[in-house]
Amino acid sequence: MKKWIALFMAGFSCLLVAAEKNTDAETNQQPAAPKVEEYNYSMHLDIARVISHSEVPNVCAVVPVQMTYEDHQGKRHTLEYEVMGNGCGSNN
């Protein structure tokens, strides 16, 4: 009977150590980067507040830019869409 108790305690302590290592690994992880959604015309956008947006480059081409915004529920979103660059002026 003592052998069974010792075997049970050894197995249980191994499980506790493994669970503790998993908890430590989860707490040391950095938060995941926000998922970037690609814009399409059929999307319904719920934009309550624009937090940031990338600058439009000074090129004469269609370029991707990103906007981070907050919806009416307070959830943050990052949206990627395409715009015409700023370098297509008549002076070029």
PDB file of N, CA and C in Angstrom:
ATOM      1  N   MET A   1       0.814  -1.188   0.000  1.00  0.00           N
ATOM      2  CA  MET A   1       0.000   0.000   0.000  1.00  0.00           C
ATOM      3  C   MET A   1       0.864   1.261   0.000  1.00  0.00           C
ATOM      4  N   LYS A   2       1.991   1.224   0.754  1.00  0.00           N
ATOM      5  CA  LYS A   2       2.877   2.374   0.805  1.00  0.00           C
ATOM      6  C   LYS A   2       3.475   2.662  -0.566  1.00  0.00           C
ATOM      7  N   LYS A   3       3.741   1.590  -1.332  1.00  0.00           N
ATOM      8  CA  LYS A   3       4.297   1.776  -2.682  1.00  0.00           C
ATOM      9  C   LYS A   3       3.302   2.509  -3.570  1.00  0.00           C
ATOM     10  N   TRP A   4       2.019   2.186  -3.459  1.00  0.00           N
ATOM     11  CA  TRP A   4       0.987   2.841  -4.278  1.00  0.00           C
ATOM     12  C   TRP A   4       0.851   4.323  -3.922  1.00  0.00           C
ATOM     13  N   ILE A   5       0.920   4.614  -2.634  1.00  0.00           N
ATOM     14  CA  ILE A   5       0.826   6.009  -2.198  1.00  0.00           C
ATOM     15  C   ILE A   5       2.034   6.794  -2.700  1.00  0.00           C
ATOM     16  N   ALA A   6       3.236   6.196  -2.598  1.00  0.00           N
ATOM     17  CA  ALA A   6       4.449   6.867  -3.070  1.00  0.00           C
ATOM     18  C   ALA A   6       4.384   7.078  -4.583  1.00  0.00           C
ATOM     19  N   LEU A   7       3.905   6.086  -5.314  1.00  0.00           N
ATOM     20  CA  LEU A   7       3.765   6.202  -6.764  1.00  0.00           C
ATOM     21  C   LEU A   7       2.750   7.281  -7.130  1.00  0.00           C
ATOM     22  N   PHE A   8       1.633   7.323  -6.406  1.00  0.00           N
ATOM     23  CA  PHE A   8       0.612   8.338  -6.643  1.00  0.00           C
ATOM     24  C   PHE A   8       1.170   9.736  -6.378  1.00  0.00           C
ATOM     25  N   MET A   9       1.891   9.916  -5.275  1.00  0.00           N
ATOM     26  CA  MET A   9       2.450  11.227  -4.928  1.00  0.00           C
ATOM     27  C   MET A   9       3.481  11.674  -5.969  1.00  0.00           C
ATOM     28  N   ALA A  10       4.303  10.742  -6.453  1.00  0.00           N
ATOM     29  CA  ALA A  10       5.304  11.088  -7.462  1.00  0.00           C
ATOM     30  C   ALA A  10       4.633  11.523  -8.762  1.00  0.00           C
ATOM     31  N   GLY A  11       3.617  10.789  -9.174  1.00  0.00           N
ATOM     32  CA  GLY A  11       2.896  11.147 -10.392  1.00  0.00           C
ATOM     33  C   GLY A  11       2.170  12.469 -10.252  1.00  0.00           C
ATOM     34  N   PHE A  12       1.539  12.694  -9.117  1.00  0.00           N
ATOM     35  CA  PHE A  12       0.806  13.939  -8.878  1.00  0.00           C
ATOM     36  C   PHE A  12       1.754  15.132  -8.853  1.00  0.00           C
ATOM     37  N   SER A  13       2.940  14.984  -8.239  1.00  0.00           N
ATOM     38  CA  SER A  13       3.890  16.093  -8.185  1.00  0.00           C
ATOM     39  C   SER A  13       4.422  16.424  -9.581  1.00  0.00           C
ATOM     40  N   CYS A  14       4.587  15.416 -10.431  1.00  0.00           N
ATOM     41  CA  CYS A  14       5.015  15.674 -11.810  1.00  0.00           C
ATOM     42  C   CYS A  14       3.956  16.481 -12.557  1.00  0.00           C
ATOM     43  N   LEU A  15       2.699  16.164 -12.341  1.00  0.00           N
ATOM     44  CA  LEU A  15       1.618  16.914 -12.984  1.00  0.00           C
ATOM     45  C   LEU A  15       1.597  18.363 -12.513  1.00  0.00           C
ATOM     46  N   LEU A  16       1.825  18.593 -11.218  1.00  0.00           N
ATOM     47  CA  LEU A  16       1.839  19.953 -10.686  1.00  0.00           C
ATOM     48  C   LEU A  16       2.981  20.775 -11.280  1.00  0.00           C
ATOM     49  N   VAL A  17       4.157  20.167 -11.395  1.00  0.00           N
ATOM     50  CA  VAL A  17       5.301  20.865 -11.969  1.00  0.00           C
ATOM     51  C   VAL A  17       5.033  21.217 -13.435  1.00  0.00           C
ATOM     52  N   ALA A  18       4.458  20.301 -14.183  1.00  0.00           N
ATOM     53  CA  ALA A  18       4.146  20.557 -15.594  1.00  0.00           C
ATOM     54  C   ALA A  18       3.116  21.672 -15.733  1.00  0.00           C
ATOM     55  N   ALA A  19       2.096  21.670 -14.893  1.00  0.00           N
ATOM     56  CA  ALA A  19       1.072  22.713 -14.940  1.00  0.00           C
ATOM     57  C   ALA A  19       1.665  24.067 -14.586  1.00  0.00           C
ATOM     58  N   GLU A  20       2.567  24.100 -13.626  1.00  0.00           N
ATOM     59  CA  GLU A  20       3.190  25.362 -13.229  1.00  0.00           C
ATOM     60  C   GLU A  20       4.056  25.918 -14.353  1.00  0.00           C
ATOM     61  N   LYS A  21       4.781  25.062 -15.064  1.00  0.00           N
ATOM     62  CA  LYS A  21       5.605  25.522 -16.190  1.00  0.00           C
ATOM     63  C   LYS A  21       4.726  26.074 -17.305  1.00  0.00           C
ATOM     64  N   ASN A  22       3.589  25.458 -17.584  1.00  0.00           N
ATOM     65  CA  ASN A  22       2.677  25.968 -18.607  1.00  0.00           C
ATOM     66  C   ASN A  22       2.144  27.338 -18.212  1.00  0.00           C
ATOM     67  N   THR A  23       1.814  27.526 -16.945  1.00  0.00           N
ATOM     68  CA  THR A  23       1.305  28.815 -16.477  1.00  0.00           C
ATOM     69  C   THR A  23       2.372  29.885 -16.612  1.00  0.00           C
ATOM     70  N   ASP A  24       3.619  29.564 -16.261  1.00  0.00           N
ATOM     71  CA  ASP A  24       4.723  30.519 -16.395  1.00  0.00           C
ATOM     72  C   ASP A  24       4.944  30.891 -17.851  1.00  0.00           C
ATOM     73  N   ALA A  25       4.858  29.934 -18.752  1.00  0.00           N
ATOM     74  CA  ALA A  25       5.067  30.211 -20.173  1.00  0.00           C
ATOM     75  C   ALA A  25       3.968  31.105 -20.715  1.00  0.00           C
ATOM     76  N   GLU A  26       2.734  30.913 -20.264  1.00  0.00           N
ATOM     77  CA  GLU A  26       1.622  31.730 -20.736  1.00  0.00           C
ATOM     78  C   GLU A  26       1.737  33.164 -20.240  1.00  0.00           C
ATOM     79  N   THR A  27       2.202  33.378 -19.020  1.00  0.00           N
ATOM     80  CA  THR A  27       2.296  34.732 -18.479  1.00  0.00           C
ATOM     81  C   THR A  27       3.464  35.502 -19.069  1.00  0.00           C
ATOM     82  N   ASN A  28       4.499  34.822 -19.574  1.00  0.00           N
ATOM     83  CA  ASN A  28       5.654  35.493 -20.153  1.00  0.00           C
ATOM     84  C   ASN A  28       5.480  35.826 -21.628  1.00  0.00           C
ATOM     85  N   GLN A  29       4.426  35.363 -22.254  1.00  0.00           N
ATOM     86  CA  GLN A  29       4.215  35.637 -23.667  1.00  0.00           C
ATOM     87  C   GLN A  29       3.757  37.068 -23.851  1.00  0.00           C
ATOM     88  N   GLN A  30       4.208  37.678 -24.961  1.00  0.00           N
ATOM     89  CA  GLN A  30       3.783  39.025 -25.300  1.00  0.00           C
ATOM     90  C   GLN A  30       2.405  38.966 -25.922  1.00  0.00           C
ATOM     91  N   PRO A  31       1.616  40.040 -25.794  1.00  0.00           N
ATOM     92  CA  PRO A  31       0.302  40.039 -26.437  1.00  0.00           C
ATOM     93  C   PRO A  31       0.443  39.940 -27.946  1.00  0.00           C
ATOM     94  N   ALA A  32      -0.488  39.259 -28.551  1.00  0.00           N
ATOM     95  CA  ALA A  32      -0.438  39.062 -29.999  1.00  0.00           C
ATOM     96  C   ALA A  32      -0.679  40.393 -30.711  1.00  0.00           C
ATOM     97  N   ALA A  33      -0.023  40.556 -31.840  1.00  0.00           N
ATOM     98  CA  ALA A  33      -0.229  41.750 -32.654  1.00  0.00           C
ATOM     99  C   ALA A  33      -1.656  41.746 -33.184  1.00  0.00           C
ATOM    100  N   PRO A  34      -2.254  42.925 -33.315  1.00  0.00           N
ATOM    101  CA  PRO A  34      -3.620  42.956 -33.813  1.00  0.00           C
ATOM    102  C   PRO A  34      -3.706  42.411 -35.229  1.00  0.00           C
ATOM    103  N   LYS A  35      -4.763  41.707 -35.490  1.00  0.00           N
ATOM    104  CA  LYS A  35      -4.982  41.125 -36.810  1.00  0.00           C
ATOM    105  C   LYS A  35      -5.296  42.254 -37.796  1.00  0.00           C
ATOM    106  N   VAL A  36      -4.625  42.248 -38.920  1.00  0.00           N
ATOM    107  CA  VAL A  36      -4.860  43.262 -39.950  1.00  0.00           C
ATOM    108  C   VAL A  36      -5.922  42.729 -40.902  1.00  0.00           C
ATOM    109  N   GLU A  37      -7.009  43.490 -41.020  1.00  0.00           N
ATOM    110  CA  GLU A  37      -8.091  43.118 -41.927  1.00  0.00           C
ATOM    111  C   GLU A  37      -7.894  43.855 -43.243  1.00  0.00           C
ATOM    112  N   GLU A  38      -8.112  43.168 -44.355  1.00  0.00           N
ATOM    113  CA  GLU A  38      -8.044  43.812 -45.661  1.00  0.00           C
ATOM    114  C   GLU A  38      -9.417  44.348 -46.017  1.00  0.00           C
ATOM    115  N   TYR A  39      -9.466  45.617 -46.381  1.00  0.00           N
ATOM    116  CA  TYR A  39     -10.737  46.265 -46.691  1.00  0.00           C
ATOM    117  C   TYR A  39     -11.277  45.797 -48.031  1.00  0.00           C
ATOM    118  N   ASN A  40     -12.584  45.597 -48.103  1.00  0.00           N
ATOM    119  CA  ASN A  40     -13.282  45.415 -49.375  1.00  0.00           C
ATOM    120  C   ASN A  40     -14.573  46.207 -49.293  1.00  0.00           C
ATOM    121  N   TYR A  41     -15.131  46.528 -50.444  1.00  0.00           N
ATOM    122  CA  TYR A  41     -16.274  47.434 -50.497  1.00  0.00           C
ATOM    123  C   TYR A  41     -17.525  46.900 -49.800  1.00  0.00           C
ATOM    124  N   SER A  42     -17.628  45.614 -49.581  1.00  0.00           N
ATOM    125  CA  SER A  42     -18.829  45.064 -48.944  1.00  0.00           C
ATOM    126  C   SER A  42     -18.771  45.118 -47.417  1.00  0.00           C
ATOM    127  N   MET A  43     -17.656  45.575 -46.859  1.00  0.00           N
ATOM    128  CA  MET A  43     -17.512  45.597 -45.405  1.00  0.00           C
ATOM    129  C   MET A  43     -18.336  46.717 -44.788  1.00  0.00           C
ATOM    130  N   HIS A  44     -18.939  46.418 -43.647  1.00  0.00           N
ATOM    131  CA  HIS A  44     -19.608  47.437 -42.840  1.00  0.00           C
ATOM    132  C   HIS A  44     -18.620  47.862 -41.761  1.00  0.00           C
ATOM    133  N   LEU A  45     -18.184  49.110 -41.810  1.00  0.00           N
ATOM    134  CA  LEU A  45     -17.200  49.594 -40.853  1.00  0.00           C
ATOM    135  C   LEU A  45     -17.895  50.342 -39.723  1.00  0.00           C
ATOM    136  N   ASP A  46     -17.563  49.979 -38.500  1.00  0.00           N
ATOM    137  CA  ASP A  46     -18.097  50.617 -37.303  1.00  0.00           C
ATOM    138  C   ASP A  46     -16.943  51.402 -36.670  1.00  0.00           C
ATOM    139  N   ILE A  47     -16.721  52.625 -37.143  1.00  0.00           N
ATOM    140  CA  ILE A  47     -15.589  53.424 -36.685  1.00  0.00           C
ATOM    141  C   ILE A  47     -16.097  54.504 -35.741  1.00  0.00           C
ATOM    142  N   ALA A  48     -15.749  54.367 -34.473  1.00  0.00           N
ATOM    143  CA  ALA A  48     -16.111  55.388 -33.492  1.00  0.00           C
ATOM    144  C   ALA A  48     -14.987  56.406 -33.348  1.00  0.00           C
ATOM    145  N   ARG A  49     -13.728  55.920 -33.444  1.00  0.00           N
ATOM    146  CA  ARG A  49     -12.589  56.814 -33.245  1.00  0.00           C
ATOM    147  C   ARG A  49     -11.386  56.262 -33.990  1.00  0.00           C
ATOM    148  N   VAL A  50     -10.733  57.110 -34.786  1.00  0.00           N
ATOM    149  CA  VAL A  50      -9.495  56.718 -35.467  1.00  0.00           C
ATOM    150  C   VAL A  50      -8.351  56.933 -34.492  1.00  0.00           C
ATOM    151  N   ILE A  51      -7.551  55.891 -34.279  1.00  0.00           N
ATOM    152  CA  ILE A  51      -6.436  55.963 -33.350  1.00  0.00           C
ATOM    153  C   ILE A  51      -5.167  56.385 -34.072  1.00  0.00           C
ATOM    154  N   SER A  52      -4.898  55.763 -35.225  1.00  0.00           N
ATOM    155  CA  SER A  52      -3.717  56.131 -36.014  1.00  0.00           C
ATOM    156  C   SER A  52      -3.895  55.653 -37.444  1.00  0.00           C
ATOM    157  N   HIS A  53      -3.100  56.221 -38.327  1.00  0.00           N
ATOM    158  CA  HIS A  53      -3.071  55.757 -39.718  1.00  0.00           C
ATOM    159  C   HIS A  53      -1.678  56.005 -40.266  1.00  0.00           C
ATOM    160  N   SER A  54      -1.265  55.158 -41.197  1.00  0.00           N
ATOM    161  CA  SER A  54       0.062  55.309 -41.779  1.00  0.00           C
ATOM    162  C   SER A  54       0.042  56.433 -42.804  1.00  0.00           C
ATOM    163  N   GLU A  55       1.216  57.004 -43.037  1.00  0.00           N
ATOM    164  CA  GLU A  55       1.322  58.100 -44.001  1.00  0.00           C
ATOM    165  C   GLU A  55       1.271  57.561 -45.423  1.00  0.00           C
ATOM    166  N   VAL A  56       0.718  58.367 -46.312  1.00  0.00           N
ATOM    167  CA  VAL A  56       0.674  58.012 -47.723  1.00  0.00           C
ATOM    168  C   VAL A  56       2.017  58.410 -48.324  1.00  0.00           C
ATOM    169  N   PRO A  57       2.741  57.468 -48.930  1.00  0.00           N
ATOM    170  CA  PRO A  57       4.057  57.777 -49.483  1.00  0.00           C
ATOM    171  C   PRO A  57       3.975  58.760 -50.657  1.00  0.00           C
ATOM    172  N   ASN A  58       5.091  59.413 -50.931  1.00  0.00           N
ATOM    173  CA  ASN A  58       5.174  60.391 -51.999  1.00  0.00           C
ATOM    174  C   ASN A  58       5.602  59.702 -53.300  1.00  0.00           C
ATOM    175  N   VAL A  59       4.767  58.789 -53.790  1.00  0.00           N
ATOM    176  CA  VAL A  59       5.006  58.061 -55.039  1.00  0.00           C
ATOM    177  C   VAL A  59       3.764  58.181 -55.914  1.00  0.00           C
ATOM    178  N   CYS A  60       3.945  57.950 -57.194  1.00  0.00           N
ATOM    179  CA  CYS A  60       2.805  58.004 -58.108  1.00  0.00           C
ATOM    180  C   CYS A  60       2.382  56.574 -58.433  1.00  0.00           C
ATOM    181  N   ALA A  61       1.737  55.941 -57.456  1.00  0.00           N
ATOM    182  CA  ALA A  61       1.285  54.558 -57.602  1.00  0.00           C
ATOM    183  C   ALA A  61       0.254  54.272 -56.526  1.00  0.00           C
ATOM    184  N   VAL A  62      -0.462  53.180 -56.710  1.00  0.00           N
ATOM    185  CA  VAL A  62      -1.393  52.728 -55.683  1.00  0.00           C
ATOM    186  C   VAL A  62      -0.575  52.012 -54.611  1.00  0.00           C
ATOM    187  N   VAL A  63      -0.782  52.419 -53.351  1.00  0.00           N
ATOM    188  CA  VAL A  63       0.001  51.873 -52.249  1.00  0.00           C
ATOM    189  C   VAL A  63      -0.916  51.456 -51.105  1.00  0.00           C
ATOM    190  N   PRO A  64      -0.509  50.445 -50.334  1.00  0.00           N
ATOM    191  CA  PRO A  64      -1.312  50.052 -49.169  1.00  0.00           C
ATOM    192  C   PRO A  64      -1.005  50.960 -47.977  1.00  0.00           C
ATOM    193  N   VAL A  65      -2.026  51.300 -47.228  1.00  0.00           N
ATOM    194  CA  VAL A  65      -1.882  52.035 -45.967  1.00  0.00           C
ATOM    195  C   VAL A  65      -2.729  51.326 -44.911  1.00  0.00           C
ATOM    196  N   GLN A  66      -2.440  51.609 -43.662  1.00  0.00           N
ATOM    197  CA  GLN A  66      -3.183  50.984 -42.570  1.00  0.00           C
ATOM    198  C   GLN A  66      -3.779  52.045 -41.661  1.00  0.00           C
ATOM    199  N   MET A  67      -4.941  51.719 -41.136  1.00  0.00           N
ATOM    200  CA  MET A  67      -5.615  52.577 -40.170  1.00  0.00           C
ATOM    201  C   MET A  67      -6.005  51.714 -38.978  1.00  0.00           C
ATOM    202  N   THR A  68      -5.716  52.208 -37.780  1.00  0.00           N
ATOM    203  CA  THR A  68      -6.144  51.548 -36.556  1.00  0.00           C
ATOM    204  C   THR A  68      -7.267  52.387 -35.974  1.00  0.00           C
ATOM    205  N   TYR A  69      -8.375  51.723 -35.676  1.00  0.00           N
ATOM    206  CA  TYR A  69      -9.531  52.446 -35.161  1.00  0.00           C
ATOM    207  C   TYR A  69     -10.206  51.652 -34.053  1.00  0.00           C
ATOM    208  N   GLU A  70     -11.082  52.336 -33.351  1.00  0.00           N
ATOM    209  CA  GLU A  70     -11.856  51.725 -32.268  1.00  0.00           C
ATOM    210  C   GLU A  70     -13.328  51.755 -32.672  1.00  0.00           C
ATOM    211  N   ASP A  71     -14.016  50.626 -32.493  1.00  0.00           N
ATOM    212  CA  ASP A  71     -15.441  50.601 -32.826  1.00  0.00           C
ATOM    213  C   ASP A  71     -16.264  51.106 -31.632  1.00  0.00           C
ATOM    214  N   HIS A  72     -17.584  51.129 -31.773  1.00  0.00           N
ATOM    215  CA  HIS A  72     -18.451  51.664 -30.727  1.00  0.00           C
ATOM    216  C   HIS A  72     -18.480  50.801 -29.464  1.00  0.00           C
ATOM    217  N   GLN A  73     -17.953  49.597 -29.532  1.00  0.00           N
ATOM    218  CA  GLN A  73     -17.868  48.741 -28.347  1.00  0.00           C
ATOM    219  C   GLN A  73     -16.498  48.839 -27.686  1.00  0.00           C
ATOM    220  N   GLY A  74     -15.603  49.667 -28.236  1.00  0.00           N
ATOM    221  CA  GLY A  74     -14.276  49.848 -27.662  1.00  0.00           C
ATOM    222  C   GLY A  74     -13.238  48.866 -28.154  1.00  0.00           C
ATOM    223  N   LYS A  75     -13.564  48.026 -29.127  1.00  0.00           N
ATOM    224  CA  LYS A  75     -12.633  47.032 -29.656  1.00  0.00           C
ATOM    225  C   LYS A  75     -11.780  47.683 -30.748  1.00  0.00           C
ATOM    226  N   ARG A  76     -10.480  47.398 -30.721  1.00  0.00           N
ATOM    227  CA  ARG A  76      -9.561  47.964 -31.716  1.00  0.00           C
ATOM    228  C   ARG A  76      -9.471  47.073 -32.947  1.00  0.00           C
ATOM    229  N   HIS A  77      -9.373  47.724 -34.093  1.00  0.00           N
ATOM    230  CA  HIS A  77      -9.228  47.035 -35.370  1.00  0.00           C
ATOM    231  C   HIS A  77      -8.117  47.718 -36.159  1.00  0.00           C
ATOM    232  N   THR A  78      -7.424  46.952 -36.989  1.00  0.00           N
ATOM    233  CA  THR A  78      -6.459  47.512 -37.925  1.00  0.00           C
ATOM    234  C   THR A  78      -6.901  47.113 -39.313  1.00  0.00           C
ATOM    235  N   LEU A  79      -7.070  48.103 -40.158  1.00  0.00           N
ATOM    236  CA  LEU A  79      -7.603  47.906 -41.499  1.00  0.00           C
ATOM    237  C   LEU A  79      -6.557  48.325 -42.515  1.00  0.00           C
ATOM    238  N   GLU A  80      -6.324  47.478 -43.511  1.00  0.00           N
ATOM    239  CA  GLU A  80      -5.415  47.827 -44.597  1.00  0.00           C
ATOM    240  C   GLU A  80      -6.223  48.072 -45.855  1.00  0.00           C
ATOM    241  N   TYR A  81      -5.923  49.165 -46.530  1.00  0.00           N
ATOM    242  CA  TYR A  81      -6.633  49.518 -47.756  1.00  0.00           C
ATOM    243  C   TYR A  81      -5.643  50.198 -48.691  1.00  0.00           C
ATOM    244  N   GLU A  82      -6.040  50.400 -49.930  1.00  0.00           N
ATOM    245  CA  GLU A  82      -5.136  50.973 -50.929  1.00  0.00           C
ATOM    246  C   GLU A  82      -5.565  52.379 -51.286  1.00  0.00           C
ATOM    247  N   VAL A  83      -4.567  53.261 -51.449  1.00  0.00           N
ATOM    248  CA  VAL A  83      -4.815  54.633 -51.866  1.00  0.00           C
ATOM    249  C   VAL A  83      -3.811  55.008 -52.948  1.00  0.00           C
ATOM    250  N   MET A  84      -4.091  56.074 -53.651  1.00  0.00           N
ATOM    251  CA  MET A  84      -3.136  56.605 -54.625  1.00  0.00           C
ATOM    252  C   MET A  84      -2.098  57.421 -53.877  1.00  0.00           C
ATOM    253  N   GLY A  85      -0.838  57.211 -54.187  1.00  0.00           N
ATOM    254  CA  GLY A  85       0.243  57.940 -53.529  1.00  0.00           C
ATOM    255  C   GLY A  85       0.159  59.434 -53.800  1.00  0.00           C
ATOM    256  N   ASN A  86       0.908  60.203 -53.011  1.00  0.00           N
ATOM    257  CA  ASN A  86       0.899  61.655 -53.119  1.00  0.00           C
ATOM    258  C   ASN A  86       1.848  62.204 -54.179  1.00  0.00           C
ATOM    259  N   GLY A  87       2.551  61.372 -54.910  1.00  0.00           N
ATOM    260  CA  GLY A  87       3.571  61.849 -55.846  1.00  0.00           C
ATOM    261  C   GLY A  87       3.103  62.016 -57.279  1.00  0.00           C
ATOM    262  N   CYS A  88       1.837  62.199 -57.502  1.00  0.00           N
ATOM    263  CA  CYS A  88       1.313  62.310 -58.877  1.00  0.00           C
ATOM    264  C   CYS A  88       0.914  63.733 -59.242  1.00  0.00           C
ATOM    265  N   GLY A  89       1.579  64.723 -58.640  1.00  0.00           N
ATOM    266  CA  GLY A  89       1.250  66.106 -58.929  1.00  0.00           C
ATOM    267  C   GLY A  89       1.656  66.504 -60.334  1.00  0.00           C
ATOM    268  N   SER A  90       1.223  67.648 -60.781  1.00  0.00           N
ATOM    269  CA  SER A  90       1.513  68.121 -62.154  1.00  0.00           C
ATOM    270  C   SER A  90       2.955  68.565 -62.303  1.00  0.00           C
ATOM    271  N   ASN A  91       3.719  68.697 -61.207  1.00  0.00           N
ATOM    272  CA  ASN A  91       5.103  69.128 -61.292  1.00  0.00           C
ATOM    273  C   ASN A  91       6.054  67.988 -61.614  1.00  0.00           C
ATOM    274  N   ASN A  92       5.603  66.762 -61.709  1.00  0.00           N
ATOM    275  CA  ASN A  92       6.490  65.602 -61.952  1.00  0.00           C
ATOM    276  C   ASN A  92       6.718  65.377 -63.395  1.00  0.00           C
TER     277      ASN A  92
END
